[in-house]
Protein backbone atom coordinates (compact mmCIF):
# COMPACT_ATOMS: atom_id res chain seq x y z
CA MET A 1 -211.48 -80.34 97.33
CA ASP A 2 -209.84 -79.20 100.09
CA PHE A 3 -206.53 -77.26 100.08
CA HIS A 4 -204.06 -76.93 103.30
CA ALA A 5 -200.50 -76.10 103.62
CA ARG A 6 -199.03 -77.56 106.42
CA ARG A 7 -195.58 -76.26 105.85
CA ARG A 8 -193.97 -73.66 102.75
CA LEU A 9 -193.00 -76.62 100.73
CA HIS A 10 -195.61 -79.45 101.76
CA ARG A 11 -199.32 -79.18 100.25
CA HIS A 12 -201.72 -81.25 101.39
CA PHE A 13 -205.23 -81.94 99.10
CA LYS A 14 -208.43 -83.90 100.46
CA LEU A 15 -210.26 -84.64 97.35
CA ASN A 16 -214.49 -85.53 97.91
CA GLY A 17 -215.90 -86.30 94.34
CA VAL A 18 -213.09 -84.96 91.97
CA MET A 19 -212.96 -85.97 88.71
CA TRP A 20 -210.18 -88.26 88.42
CA THR A 21 -211.02 -88.62 84.77
CA SER A 22 -213.77 -87.92 82.39
CA ASP A 23 -215.70 -90.18 83.88
CA LEU A 24 -214.45 -91.46 87.35
CA PRO A 25 -215.22 -88.86 90.79
CA VAL A 26 -212.61 -90.00 93.14
CA SER A 27 -212.36 -88.99 97.01
CA GLY A 28 -209.30 -89.36 99.03
CA THR A 29 -206.26 -86.87 99.44
CA ALA A 30 -203.10 -85.96 97.64
CA ASN A 31 -199.24 -84.96 98.99
CA TRP A 32 -196.96 -82.72 96.76
CA ASN A 33 -193.54 -81.81 98.36
CA LEU A 34 -192.40 -78.82 96.48
CA LYS A 35 -189.11 -79.45 97.81
CA ASN A 36 -188.19 -82.89 95.91
CA GLY A 37 -191.54 -82.76 93.33
CA ASP A 38 -192.61 -86.11 94.83
CA VAL A 39 -196.45 -86.52 94.80
CA ARG A 40 -198.87 -89.37 95.91
CA GLU A 41 -202.21 -89.25 95.19
CA ASN A 42 -204.75 -92.21 97.80
CA ILE A 43 -208.27 -92.25 96.26
CA THR A 44 -211.05 -94.15 96.51
CA PHE A 45 -213.68 -94.84 94.27
CA THR A 46 -216.53 -96.89 92.77
CA ASP A 47 -216.13 -98.32 89.15
CA ALA A 48 -218.92 -98.08 86.08
CA GLY A 49 -219.94 -101.48 87.48
CA GLY A 50 -220.50 -101.25 90.92
CA ASP A 51 -217.01 -102.50 92.08
CA PRO A 52 -215.27 -100.46 95.12
CA GLY A 53 -211.61 -99.66 94.27
CA THR A 54 -208.67 -97.92 96.10
CA LEU A 55 -205.79 -96.80 94.57
CA THR A 56 -202.29 -95.23 95.30
CA ALA A 57 -200.40 -93.33 92.72
CA ARG A 58 -196.95 -91.96 92.79
CA TRP A 59 -194.74 -90.00 90.46
CA ASN A 60 -192.54 -86.87 90.50
CA ASP A 61 -193.66 -83.37 89.72
CA ARG A 62 -190.53 -82.21 88.45
CA ASP A 63 -189.43 -85.30 86.17
CA HIS A 64 -190.19 -84.34 82.30
CA ASP A 65 -192.75 -86.43 80.63
CA ALA A 66 -193.31 -88.13 84.27
CA VAL A 67 -194.91 -91.23 85.05
CA ALA A 68 -197.22 -92.30 87.50
CA THR A 69 -197.52 -95.64 88.91
CA LEU A 70 -200.41 -97.06 90.24
CA THR A 71 -201.03 -99.85 92.67
CA GLY A 72 -204.30 -101.16 94.26
CA THR A 73 -207.68 -102.73 93.62
CA ILE A 74 -210.46 -102.69 91.79
CA GLY A 75 -212.98 -104.97 92.67
CA SER A 76 -211.40 -108.46 93.46
CA ASN A 77 -208.44 -107.22 91.09
CA ILE A 78 -204.88 -106.54 91.73
CA ILE A 79 -203.88 -103.57 89.65
CA VAL A 80 -200.30 -102.49 89.18
CA ALA A 81 -200.16 -99.80 86.22
CA THR A 82 -198.06 -97.23 84.90
CA MET A 83 -199.65 -94.44 82.99
CA PRO A 84 -198.64 -90.22 81.88
CA ALA A 85 -198.46 -88.03 85.29
CA PRO A 86 -201.20 -85.55 85.19
């Protein structure tokens, strides 16, 4: 994972093979706005069945018990879901 601080209050991460879950390496980018807490990840991966996936995850790091919203596709399936934020 590469890390770049564009400005003092904004962080940009480049993900390459990062384990998003215990069995799913992903690549893409993550942006974290330290001023307002907004986090956005754009990731790509291949699932265990060989289907390509592209997801955007968004949440606010300042929210207590933050919930991430996921949108995108896995294979031909459209994904719209929520999960506890990392």
